[in-house]
């Protein structure tokens, strides 16, 4: 009952496969592990691949006389489609084997997997937003995800040897790897990110102590005077103002505790006064009227930076 396996009638089936293959121009039927496949060198790129060429397609049948009849029919259809340049991968990518087609679909799947494997908290969320989400948003969301698309976006959005190009290259390579794009050309994305090192960063021109003191005196709002004091004396990042414990700021030494939910994590910070800063009073804690609920570190830091721009601060706060 049923068809015989290739092992039971190997000479007959092998001979029949060879006969059929002589009549095919673009593909050939192959047997592997008692299953039948079509193999060819002239396929168009599979969705997610950058270039076409050699592929092997499972025909979903066993290496039996009955299975061979089905395989022959499918092989002829594929061969004709390739000859007339009408081949479509869609019928061969159904169900779970069919990958998401667009950038948006792949990005959503990548983010879902990321949070399945990463503890989600404000700090991690902020890091993902800056290092991945903002960069993925630069991609055209409705287009298929391809190496060419990732490469062209990196080249158009960044400068050679820059920190931003390195960041784009890292994020896009991880997305491409997750999507299963051709691993042989993923190295191209990594190469695009080369050239940036710590030596590429131009040294910052730090404000003089007198400039900071002048700024503090020019600000009339006590809350924003306190912000300037705490940033200058304790060397905090702008968003860290909202992530500190000040209950020991009146003690000796007057320390601050920066909470875990920050870029560098929990730490103790000691004051360091500059020349002419004696009039500053960081121990008189007075927060500015800023809504903090539901806002991440990026948003909080951006609010501080925006206020300083409105104050015409001659140097950035961080």
C-alpha atoms as a PDB file:
ATOM      1  CA  UNK A   1       0.000   0.000   0.000  1.00  0.00           C
ATOM      2  CA  UNK A   2       1.228   3.542  -0.695  1.00  0.00           C
ATOM      3  CA  UNK A   3       4.379   4.509  -2.558  1.00  0.00           C
ATOM      4  CA  UNK A   4       7.717   2.836  -2.182  1.00  0.00           C
ATOM      5  CA  UNK A   5      10.622   4.791  -0.661  1.00  0.00           C
ATOM      6  CA  UNK A   6      13.663   5.764  -2.662  1.00  0.00           C
ATOM      7  CA  UNK A   7      15.706   3.116  -0.842  1.00  0.00           C
ATOM      8  CA  UNK A   8      13.290   0.425  -2.029  1.00  0.00           C
ATOM      9  CA  UNK A   9      13.499   1.388  -5.703  1.00  0.00           C
ATOM     10  CA  UNK A  10      16.484   3.674  -5.879  1.00  0.00           C
ATOM     11  CA  UNK A  11      17.596   2.805  -9.427  1.00  0.00           C
ATOM     12  CA  UNK A  12      14.133   3.370 -10.907  1.00  0.00           C
ATOM     13  CA  UNK A  13      13.492   6.677  -9.131  1.00  0.00           C
ATOM     14  CA  UNK A  14      16.985   8.024  -9.668  1.00  0.00           C
ATOM     15  CA  UNK A  15      16.774   7.201 -13.360  1.00  0.00           C
ATOM     16  CA  UNK A  16      13.362   8.859 -13.616  1.00  0.00           C
ATOM     17  CA  UNK A  17      14.637  11.981 -11.786  1.00  0.00           C
ATOM     18  CA  UNK A  18      17.597  12.183 -14.172  1.00  0.00           C
ATOM     19  CA  UNK A  19      15.271  11.900 -17.173  1.00  0.00           C
ATOM     20  CA  UNK A  20      13.028  14.683 -15.868  1.00  0.00           C
ATOM     21  CA  UNK A  21      15.971  16.945 -15.078  1.00  0.00           C
ATOM     22  CA  UNK A  22      17.162  16.730 -18.688  1.00  0.00           C
ATOM     23  CA  UNK A  23      13.954  18.471 -19.720  1.00  0.00           C
ATOM     24  CA  UNK A  24      14.260  21.281 -17.155  1.00  0.00           C
ATOM     25  CA  UNK A  25      16.294  24.389 -17.958  1.00  0.00           C
ATOM     26  CA  UNK A  26      16.441  26.436 -14.755  1.00  0.00           C
ATOM     27  CA  UNK A  27      16.013  23.886 -11.973  1.00  0.00           C
ATOM     28  CA  UNK A  28      16.620  20.251 -11.103  1.00  0.00           C
ATOM     29  CA  UNK A  29      14.907  17.808  -8.777  1.00  0.00           C
ATOM     30  CA  UNK A  30      17.088  16.508  -5.955  1.00  0.00           C
ATOM     31  CA  UNK A  31      16.540  13.880  -3.258  1.00  0.00           C
ATOM     32  CA  UNK A  32      17.689  14.423   0.301  1.00  0.00           C
ATOM     33  CA  UNK A  33      16.798  12.327   3.344  1.00  0.00           C
ATOM     34  CA  UNK A  34      13.972  10.632   1.415  1.00  0.00           C
ATOM     35  CA  UNK A  35      12.396  13.998   0.560  1.00  0.00           C
ATOM     36  CA  UNK A  36      12.279  15.743  -2.801  1.00  0.00           C
ATOM     37  CA  UNK A  37      13.489  19.266  -3.494  1.00  0.00           C
ATOM     38  CA  UNK A  38      13.937  21.630  -6.412  1.00  0.00           C
ATOM     39  CA  UNK A  39      17.298  23.342  -6.693  1.00  0.00           C
ATOM     40  CA  UNK A  40      18.342  26.106  -9.055  1.00  0.00           C
ATOM     41  CA  UNK A  41      20.811  28.943  -9.585  1.00  0.00           C
ATOM     42  CA  UNK A  42      18.570  31.523 -11.233  1.00  0.00           C
ATOM     43  CA  UNK A  43      16.003  32.439  -8.594  1.00  0.00           C
ATOM     44  CA  UNK A  44      15.091  36.052  -7.827  1.00  0.00           C
ATOM     45  CA  UNK A  45      15.909  37.275  -4.296  1.00  0.00           C
ATOM     46  CA  UNK A  46      13.885  35.645  -1.582  1.00  0.00           C
ATOM     47  CA  UNK A  47      12.035  38.192   0.606  1.00  0.00           C
ATOM     48  CA  UNK A  48      14.602  39.564   3.028  1.00  0.00           C
ATOM     49  CA  UNK A  49      17.580  38.706   0.803  1.00  0.00           C
ATOM     50  CA  UNK A  50      19.508  41.283  -1.159  1.00  0.00           C
ATOM     51  CA  UNK A  51      20.435  39.209  -4.188  1.00  0.00           C
ATOM     52  CA  UNK A  52      19.020  36.176  -5.910  1.00  0.00           C
ATOM     53  CA  UNK A  53      20.809  33.101  -7.133  1.00  0.00           C
ATOM     54  CA  UNK A  54      20.978  29.578  -5.807  1.00  0.00           C
ATOM     55  CA  UNK A  55      18.113  28.281  -3.684  1.00  0.00           C
ATOM     56  CA  UNK A  56      16.633  24.961  -2.699  1.00  0.00           C
ATOM     57  CA  UNK A  57      12.871  24.627  -2.293  1.00  0.00           C
ATOM     58  CA  UNK A  58      11.207  21.804  -0.383  1.00  0.00           C
ATOM     59  CA  UNK A  59       8.405  20.323  -2.470  1.00  0.00           C
ATOM     60  CA  UNK A  60       6.635  18.795   0.513  1.00  0.00           C
ATOM     61  CA  UNK A  61       6.648  15.236  -0.822  1.00  0.00           C
ATOM     62  CA  UNK A  62       8.508  12.036  -0.056  1.00  0.00           C
ATOM     63  CA  UNK A  63      10.922  10.337  -2.425  1.00  0.00           C
ATOM     64  CA  UNK A  64       8.376   7.785  -3.642  1.00  0.00           C
ATOM     65  CA  UNK A  65       6.900   7.129  -7.081  1.00  0.00           C
ATOM     66  CA  UNK A  66       3.737   8.942  -6.057  1.00  0.00           C
ATOM     67  CA  UNK A  67       5.695  11.794  -4.519  1.00  0.00           C
ATOM     68  CA  UNK A  68       7.836  12.071  -7.639  1.00  0.00           C
ATOM     69  CA  UNK A  69       4.766  12.655  -9.804  1.00  0.00           C
ATOM     70  CA  UNK A  70       3.848  15.650  -7.642  1.00  0.00           C
ATOM     71  CA  UNK A  71       7.455  16.851  -7.603  1.00  0.00           C
ATOM     72  CA  UNK A  72       7.665  16.719 -11.414  1.00  0.00           C
ATOM     73  CA  UNK A  73       4.549  18.854 -11.801  1.00  0.00           C
ATOM     74  CA  UNK A  74       5.808  21.426  -9.300  1.00  0.00           C
ATOM     75  CA  UNK A  75       9.297  21.466 -10.800  1.00  0.00           C
ATOM     76  CA  UNK A  76       7.915  22.142 -14.284  1.00  0.00           C
ATOM     77  CA  UNK A  77       5.783  25.000 -12.960  1.00  0.00           C
ATOM     78  CA  UNK A  78       8.785  26.546 -11.204  1.00  0.00           C
ATOM     79  CA  UNK A  79      10.983  26.050 -14.259  1.00  0.00           C
ATOM     80  CA  UNK A  80       8.468  27.773 -16.549  1.00  0.00           C
ATOM     81  CA  UNK A  81       7.995  30.641 -14.095  1.00  0.00           C
ATOM     82  CA  UNK A  82      11.743  31.234 -14.011  1.00  0.00           C
ATOM     83  CA  UNK A  83      12.002  31.043 -17.805  1.00  0.00           C
ATOM     84  CA  UNK A  84       9.300  33.691 -18.192  1.00  0.00           C
ATOM     85  CA  UNK A  85      10.591  35.696 -15.218  1.00  0.00           C
ATOM     86  CA  UNK A  86       7.254  35.205 -13.477  1.00  0.00           C
ATOM     87  CA  UNK A  87       8.474  33.316 -10.421  1.00  0.00           C
ATOM     88  CA  UNK A  88       6.898  34.401  -7.118  1.00  0.00           C
ATOM     89  CA  UNK A  89       8.136  33.275  -3.712  1.00  0.00           C
ATOM     90  CA  UNK A  90       4.725  33.781  -2.086  1.00  0.00           C
ATOM     91  CA  UNK A  91       3.378  30.205  -2.494  1.00  0.00           C
ATOM     92  CA  UNK A  92       6.514  28.820  -0.877  1.00  0.00           C
ATOM     93  CA  UNK A  93       6.465  31.104   2.180  1.00  0.00           C
ATOM     94  CA  UNK A  94       3.127  30.314   3.731  1.00  0.00           C
ATOM     95  CA  UNK A  95       2.284  29.868   7.391  1.00  0.00           C
ATOM     96  CA  UNK A  96       5.000  30.183   9.997  1.00  0.00           C
ATOM     97  CA  UNK A  97       7.687  30.097   7.322  1.00  0.00           C
ATOM     98  CA  UNK A  98       6.491  33.367   5.827  1.00  0.00           C
ATOM     99  CA  UNK A  99       8.505  36.218   7.334  1.00  0.00           C
ATOM    100  CA  UNK A 100       7.099  39.666   8.010  1.00  0.00           C
ATOM    101  CA  UNK A 101       7.452  41.692   4.847  1.00  0.00           C
ATOM    102  CA  UNK A 102       7.714  45.313   5.926  1.00  0.00           C
ATOM    103  CA  UNK A 103      10.109  47.253   8.102  1.00  0.00           C
ATOM    104  CA  UNK A 104       7.304  48.016  10.560  1.00  0.00           C
ATOM    105  CA  UNK A 105       6.460  44.325  10.967  1.00  0.00           C
ATOM    106  CA  UNK A 106      10.075  43.368  11.599  1.00  0.00           C
ATOM    107  CA  UNK A 107      10.660  46.267  13.993  1.00  0.00           C
ATOM    108  CA  UNK A 108       7.554  45.386  16.017  1.00  0.00           C
ATOM    109  CA  UNK A 109       8.638  41.769  16.232  1.00  0.00           C
ATOM    110  CA  UNK A 110      12.181  42.795  17.205  1.00  0.00           C
ATOM    111  CA  UNK A 111      10.935  45.042  20.005  1.00  0.00           C
ATOM    112  CA  UNK A 112       8.601  42.331  21.304  1.00  0.00           C
ATOM    113  CA  UNK A 113      11.487  39.855  21.454  1.00  0.00           C
ATOM    114  CA  UNK A 114      13.744  42.467  23.077  1.00  0.00           C
ATOM    115  CA  UNK A 115      11.393  42.978  26.018  1.00  0.00           C
ATOM    116  CA  UNK A 116      10.848  39.255  26.373  1.00  0.00           C
ATOM    117  CA  UNK A 117      14.567  38.966  27.103  1.00  0.00           C
ATOM    118  CA  UNK A 118      15.217  42.280  28.906  1.00  0.00           C
ATOM    119  CA  UNK A 119      13.930  43.539  32.240  1.00  0.00           C
ATOM    120  CA  UNK A 120      11.775  46.546  31.431  1.00  0.00           C
ATOM    121  CA  UNK A 121      12.235  49.659  33.581  1.00  0.00           C
ATOM    122  CA  UNK A 122      12.526  53.398  32.839  1.00  0.00           C
ATOM    123  CA  UNK A 123      16.289  53.218  32.328  1.00  0.00           C
ATOM    124  CA  UNK A 124      16.125  50.241  29.947  1.00  0.00           C
ATOM    125  CA  UNK A 125      13.179  51.818  28.137  1.00  0.00           C
ATOM    126  CA  UNK A 126      15.109  55.044  27.714  1.00  0.00           C
ATOM    127  CA  UNK A 127      18.153  53.178  26.382  1.00  0.00           C
ATOM    128  CA  UNK A 128      16.085  51.216  23.869  1.00  0.00           C
ATOM    129  CA  UNK A 129      14.312  54.383  22.749  1.00  0.00           C
ATOM    130  CA  UNK A 130      17.575  56.233  22.059  1.00  0.00           C
ATOM    131  CA  UNK A 131      19.644  53.379  20.647  1.00  0.00           C
ATOM    132  CA  UNK A 132      17.006  51.522  18.638  1.00  0.00           C
ATOM    133  CA  UNK A 133      13.492  52.961  18.336  1.00  0.00           C
ATOM    134  CA  UNK A 134      14.564  56.425  17.175  1.00  0.00           C
ATOM    135  CA  UNK A 135      16.923  54.880  14.607  1.00  0.00           C
ATOM    136  CA  UNK A 136      14.382  52.349  13.346  1.00  0.00           C
ATOM    137  CA  UNK A 137      11.922  55.225  12.896  1.00  0.00           C
ATOM    138  CA  UNK A 138      14.240  56.658  10.229  1.00  0.00           C
ATOM    139  CA  UNK A 139      13.473  53.676   8.002  1.00  0.00           C
ATOM    140  CA  UNK A 140      10.500  53.768   5.580  1.00  0.00           C
ATOM    141  CA  UNK A 141       8.071  51.644   7.565  1.00  0.00           C
ATOM    142  CA  UNK A 142       6.008  50.275   4.666  1.00  0.00           C
ATOM    143  CA  UNK A 143       8.902  49.030   2.543  1.00  0.00           C
ATOM    144  CA  UNK A 144      10.362  45.499   2.635  1.00  0.00           C
ATOM    145  CA  UNK A 145      13.308  45.091   4.983  1.00  0.00           C
ATOM    146  CA  UNK A 146      16.434  44.576   2.884  1.00  0.00           C
ATOM    147  CA  UNK A 147      20.155  45.082   3.304  1.00  0.00           C
ATOM    148  CA  UNK A 148      20.060  47.724   0.571  1.00  0.00           C
ATOM    149  CA  UNK A 149      17.426  49.707   2.465  1.00  0.00           C
ATOM    150  CA  UNK A 150      19.407  49.557   5.709  1.00  0.00           C
ATOM    151  CA  UNK A 151      22.613  50.511   3.943  1.00  0.00           C
ATOM    152  CA  UNK A 152      21.124  53.452   2.042  1.00  0.00           C
ATOM    153  CA  UNK A 153      19.498  54.796   5.212  1.00  0.00           C
ATOM    154  CA  UNK A 154      22.793  54.698   7.089  1.00  0.00           C
ATOM    155  CA  UNK A 155      24.550  56.523   4.258  1.00  0.00           C
ATOM    156  CA  UNK A 156      21.865  59.196   3.906  1.00  0.00           C
ATOM    157  CA  UNK A 157      21.294  59.841   7.619  1.00  0.00           C
ATOM    158  CA  UNK A 158      24.868  59.884   8.949  1.00  0.00           C
ATOM    159  CA  UNK A 159      28.372  61.112   8.226  1.00  0.00           C
ATOM    160  CA  UNK A 160      31.371  58.778   7.734  1.00  0.00           C
ATOM    161  CA  UNK A 161      33.311  58.071  10.910  1.00  0.00           C
ATOM    162  CA  UNK A 162      30.661  59.651  13.132  1.00  0.00           C
ATOM    163  CA  UNK A 163      29.222  58.357  16.377  1.00  0.00           C
ATOM    164  CA  UNK A 164      25.735  58.387  14.874  1.00  0.00           C
ATOM    165  CA  UNK A 165      26.851  56.210  11.941  1.00  0.00           C
ATOM    166  CA  UNK A 166      28.316  53.677  14.337  1.00  0.00           C
ATOM    167  CA  UNK A 167      25.051  53.650  16.307  1.00  0.00           C
ATOM    168  CA  UNK A 168      22.953  53.177  13.165  1.00  0.00           C
ATOM    169  CA  UNK A 169      25.220  50.373  11.966  1.00  0.00           C
ATOM    170  CA  UNK A 170      24.946  48.501  15.271  1.00  0.00           C
ATOM    171  CA  UNK A 171      21.161  48.841  15.510  1.00  0.00           C
ATOM    172  CA  UNK A 172      20.498  47.989  11.866  1.00  0.00           C
ATOM    173  CA  UNK A 173      22.838  45.006  11.892  1.00  0.00           C
ATOM    174  CA  UNK A 174      21.024  43.543  14.889  1.00  0.00           C
ATOM    175  CA  UNK A 175      17.677  44.053  13.180  1.00  0.00           C
ATOM    176  CA  UNK A 176      18.989  42.435   9.994  1.00  0.00           C
ATOM    177  CA  UNK A 177      20.422  39.500  11.923  1.00  0.00           C
ATOM    178  CA  UNK A 178      17.120  39.052  13.768  1.00  0.00           C
ATOM    179  CA  UNK A 179      15.244  39.095  10.459  1.00  0.00           C
ATOM    180  CA  UNK A 180      17.509  36.395   9.075  1.00  0.00           C
ATOM    181  CA  UNK A 181      18.880  38.442   6.208  1.00  0.00           C
ATOM    182  CA  UNK A 182      21.763  36.932   4.290  1.00  0.00           C
ATOM    183  CA  UNK A 183      24.554  36.554   6.894  1.00  0.00           C
ATOM    184  CA  UNK A 184      27.237  36.703   4.211  1.00  0.00           C
ATOM    185  CA  UNK A 185      26.497  40.396   3.597  1.00  0.00           C
ATOM    186  CA  UNK A 186      25.693  41.494   7.152  1.00  0.00           C
ATOM    187  CA  UNK A 187      29.371  42.346   7.563  1.00  0.00           C
ATOM    188  CA  UNK A 188      28.812  45.228   5.165  1.00  0.00           C
ATOM    189  CA  UNK A 189      26.684  46.996   7.783  1.00  0.00           C
ATOM    190  CA  UNK A 190      29.378  46.516  10.407  1.00  0.00           C
ATOM    191  CA  UNK A 191      32.000  47.956   8.065  1.00  0.00           C
ATOM    192  CA  UNK A 192      29.903  51.089   7.582  1.00  0.00           C
ATOM    193  CA  UNK A 193      30.110  51.752  11.325  1.00  0.00           C
ATOM    194  CA  UNK A 194      33.894  51.606  11.449  1.00  0.00           C
ATOM    195  CA  UNK A 195      36.012  54.705  11.800  1.00  0.00           C
ATOM    196  CA  UNK A 196      34.491  56.102  14.982  1.00  0.00           C
ATOM    197  CA  UNK A 197      36.552  55.944  18.182  1.00  0.00           C
ATOM    198  CA  UNK A 198      36.808  57.991  21.335  1.00  0.00           C
ATOM    199  CA  UNK A 199      39.514  59.986  19.541  1.00  0.00           C
ATOM    200  CA  UNK A 200      36.883  61.095  17.030  1.00  0.00           C
ATOM    201  CA  UNK A 201      35.155  63.194  19.692  1.00  0.00           C
ATOM    202  CA  UNK A 202      36.190  66.807  19.824  1.00  0.00           C
ATOM    203  CA  UNK A 203      37.040  67.941  23.365  1.00  0.00           C
ATOM    204  CA  UNK A 204      34.230  69.944  24.943  1.00  0.00           C
ATOM    205  CA  UNK A 205      34.838  73.540  25.859  1.00  0.00           C
ATOM    206  CA  UNK A 206      33.798  73.620  29.515  1.00  0.00           C
ATOM    207  CA  UNK A 207      32.446  76.873  30.964  1.00  0.00           C
ATOM    208  CA  UNK A 208      34.621  78.732  33.426  1.00  0.00           C
ATOM    209  CA  UNK A 209      33.568  78.954  37.077  1.00  0.00           C
ATOM    210  CA  UNK A 210      32.891  82.667  36.654  1.00  0.00           C
ATOM    211  CA  UNK A 211      30.523  82.026  33.739  1.00  0.00           C
ATOM    212  CA  UNK A 212      28.473  79.597  35.821  1.00  0.00           C
ATOM    213  CA  UNK A 213      28.364  82.056  38.724  1.00  0.00           C
ATOM    214  CA  UNK A 214      27.217  84.842  36.388  1.00  0.00           C
ATOM    215  CA  UNK A 215      24.482  82.618  34.993  1.00  0.00           C
ATOM    216  CA  UNK A 216      23.273  81.722  38.489  1.00  0.00           C
ATOM    217  CA  UNK A 217      23.060  85.399  39.446  1.00  0.00           C
ATOM    218  CA  UNK A 218      21.212  86.312  36.249  1.00  0.00           C
ATOM    219  CA  UNK A 219      18.425  83.816  36.951  1.00  0.00           C
ATOM    220  CA  UNK A 220      15.754  85.227  39.259  1.00  0.00           C
ATOM    221  CA  UNK A 221      13.661  82.088  39.726  1.00  0.00           C
ATOM    222  CA  UNK A 222      14.863  80.310  42.936  1.00  0.00           C
ATOM    223  CA  UNK A 223      13.916  76.890  41.586  1.00  0.00           C
ATOM    224  CA  UNK A 224      16.071  77.325  38.495  1.00  0.00           C
ATOM    225  CA  UNK A 225      18.877  78.755  40.588  1.00  0.00           C
ATOM    226  CA  UNK A 226      18.754  75.525  42.556  1.00  0.00           C
ATOM    227  CA  UNK A 227      18.877  73.489  39.329  1.00  0.00           C
ATOM    228  CA  UNK A 228      22.001  75.351  38.204  1.00  0.00           C
ATOM    229  CA  UNK A 229      23.574  74.868  41.639  1.00  0.00           C
ATOM    230  CA  UNK A 230      22.908  71.150  41.807  1.00  0.00           C
ATOM    231  CA  UNK A 231      24.122  70.515  38.245  1.00  0.00           C
ATOM    232  CA  UNK A 232      27.316  72.521  38.704  1.00  0.00           C
ATOM    233  CA  UNK A 233      28.321  71.495  42.218  1.00  0.00           C
ATOM    234  CA  UNK A 234      27.433  67.804  41.957  1.00  0.00           C
ATOM    235  CA  UNK A 235      28.133  67.308  38.246  1.00  0.00           C
ATOM    236  CA  UNK A 236      24.771  65.723  37.524  1.00  0.00           C
ATOM    237  CA  UNK A 237      23.167  65.088  34.179  1.00  0.00           C
ATOM    238  CA  UNK A 238      19.988  67.140  33.676  1.00  0.00           C
ATOM    239  CA  UNK A 239      17.559  64.219  34.064  1.00  0.00           C
ATOM    240  CA  UNK A 240      19.319  63.071  37.263  1.00  0.00           C
ATOM    241  CA  UNK A 241      17.890  66.071  39.123  1.00  0.00           C
ATOM    242  CA  UNK A 242      14.660  64.083  39.286  1.00  0.00           C
ATOM    243  CA  UNK A 243      16.408  60.829  40.259  1.00  0.00           C
ATOM    244  CA  UNK A 244      18.232  61.835  43.455  1.00  0.00           C
ATOM    245  CA  UNK A 245      17.768  61.535  47.204  1.00  0.00           C
ATOM    246  CA  UNK A 246      18.530  64.789  49.011  1.00  0.00           C
ATOM    247  CA  UNK A 247      17.948  63.705  52.621  1.00  0.00           C
ATOM    248  CA  UNK A 248      21.718  63.811  53.347  1.00  0.00           C
ATOM    249  CA  UNK A 249      22.471  67.078  51.582  1.00  0.00           C
ATOM    250  CA  UNK A 250      22.531  68.933  54.932  1.00  0.00           C
ATOM    251  CA  UNK A 251      24.944  66.474  56.540  1.00  0.00           C
ATOM    252  CA  UNK A 252      28.740  66.505  56.624  1.00  0.00           C
ATOM    253  CA  UNK A 253      29.741  65.675  53.954  1.00  0.00           C
ATOM    254  CA  UNK A 254      26.654  66.890  52.051  1.00  0.00           C
ATOM    255  CA  UNK A 255      26.145  63.963  49.699  1.00  0.00           C
ATOM    256  CA  UNK A 256      23.510  63.045  47.155  1.00  0.00           C
ATOM    257  CA  UNK A 257      22.373  59.556  46.211  1.00  0.00           C
ATOM    258  CA  UNK A 258      21.622  59.091  42.522  1.00  0.00           C
ATOM    259  CA  UNK A 259      18.982  56.419  42.017  1.00  0.00           C
ATOM    260  CA  UNK A 260      19.342  53.248  39.987  1.00  0.00           C
ATOM    261  CA  UNK A 261      17.023  54.441  37.219  1.00  0.00           C
ATOM    262  CA  UNK A 262      19.681  56.602  35.556  1.00  0.00           C
ATOM    263  CA  UNK A 263      22.229  56.165  32.785  1.00  0.00           C
ATOM    264  CA  UNK A 264      25.077  55.187  35.124  1.00  0.00           C
ATOM    265  CA  UNK A 265      22.979  53.591  37.873  1.00  0.00           C
ATOM    266  CA  UNK A 266      23.060  54.124  41.628  1.00  0.00           C
ATOM    267  CA  UNK A 267      25.959  56.097  43.035  1.00  0.00           C
ATOM    268  CA  UNK A 268      26.934  58.553  45.772  1.00  0.00           C
ATOM    269  CA  UNK A 269      27.961  62.036  44.638  1.00  0.00           C
ATOM    270  CA  UNK A 270      30.089  64.523  46.583  1.00  0.00           C
ATOM    271  CA  UNK A 271      30.046  68.295  46.039  1.00  0.00           C
ATOM    272  CA  UNK A 272      32.820  70.184  44.310  1.00  0.00           C
ATOM    273  CA  UNK A 273      32.584  73.968  44.501  1.00  0.00           C
ATOM    274  CA  UNK A 274      34.067  76.238  41.887  1.00  0.00           C
ATOM    275  CA  UNK A 275      35.470  79.710  42.325  1.00  0.00           C
ATOM    276  CA  UNK A 276      32.769  82.242  43.210  1.00  0.00           C
ATOM    277  CA  UNK A 277      30.088  79.637  43.941  1.00  0.00           C
ATOM    278  CA  UNK A 278      29.771  80.359  47.665  1.00  0.00           C
ATOM    279  CA  UNK A 279      26.444  82.107  47.151  1.00  0.00           C
ATOM    280  CA  UNK A 280      24.889  78.952  45.684  1.00  0.00           C
ATOM    281  CA  UNK A 281      22.614  77.048  48.057  1.00  0.00           C
ATOM    282  CA  UNK A 282      22.098  73.491  46.769  1.00  0.00           C
ATOM    283  CA  UNK A 283      20.993  72.372  50.244  1.00  0.00           C
ATOM    284  CA  UNK A 284      17.855  74.522  49.931  1.00  0.00           C
ATOM    285  CA  UNK A 285      16.011  72.061  47.724  1.00  0.00           C
ATOM    286  CA  UNK A 286      13.454  73.698  45.452  1.00  0.00           C
ATOM    287  CA  UNK A 287      12.343  71.779  42.388  1.00  0.00           C
ATOM    288  CA  UNK A 288      11.003  73.662  39.364  1.00  0.00           C
ATOM    289  CA  UNK A 289       7.363  73.119  38.463  1.00  0.00           C
ATOM    290  CA  UNK A 290       7.842  70.280  35.985  1.00  0.00           C
ATOM    291  CA  UNK A 291       5.540  67.305  35.497  1.00  0.00           C
ATOM    292  CA  UNK A 292       7.558  64.109  36.013  1.00  0.00           C
ATOM    293  CA  UNK A 293       4.922  61.352  36.117  1.00  0.00           C
ATOM    294  CA  UNK A 294       5.172  58.987  33.168  1.00  0.00           C
ATOM    295  CA  UNK A 295       8.143  60.786  31.646  1.00  0.00           C
ATOM    296  CA  UNK A 296      11.397  59.025  30.863  1.00  0.00           C
ATOM    297  CA  UNK A 297      14.922  60.330  31.394  1.00  0.00           C
ATOM    298  CA  UNK A 298      15.181  61.646  27.846  1.00  0.00           C
ATOM    299  CA  UNK A 299      12.030  63.715  28.222  1.00  0.00           C
ATOM    300  CA  UNK A 300      13.018  65.087  31.621  1.00  0.00           C
ATOM    301  CA  UNK A 301      16.488  66.008  30.445  1.00  0.00           C
ATOM    302  CA  UNK A 302      15.017  67.627  27.350  1.00  0.00           C
ATOM    303  CA  UNK A 303      12.777  69.823  29.492  1.00  0.00           C
ATOM    304  CA  UNK A 304      15.765  71.083  31.479  1.00  0.00           C
ATOM    305  CA  UNK A 305      17.740  71.734  28.299  1.00  0.00           C
ATOM    306  CA  UNK A 306      14.824  73.608  26.739  1.00  0.00           C
ATOM    307  CA  UNK A 307      14.499  75.880  29.776  1.00  0.00           C
ATOM    308  CA  UNK A 308      18.213  76.642  29.671  1.00  0.00           C
ATOM    309  CA  UNK A 309      17.920  77.561  26.003  1.00  0.00           C
ATOM    310  CA  UNK A 310      15.140  79.981  26.908  1.00  0.00           C
ATOM    311  CA  UNK A 311      17.420  81.423  29.583  1.00  0.00           C
ATOM    312  CA  UNK A 312      19.961  81.928  26.775  1.00  0.00           C
ATOM    313  CA  UNK A 313      22.476  79.800  28.603  1.00  0.00           C
ATOM    314  CA  UNK A 314      25.803  80.179  26.728  1.00  0.00           C
ATOM    315  CA  UNK A 315      26.726  76.509  27.204  1.00  0.00           C
ATOM    316  CA  UNK A 316      24.797  73.212  27.305  1.00  0.00           C
ATOM    317  CA  UNK A 317      23.751  71.815  30.707  1.00  0.00           C
ATOM    318  CA  UNK A 318      25.423  68.453  30.148  1.00  0.00           C
END
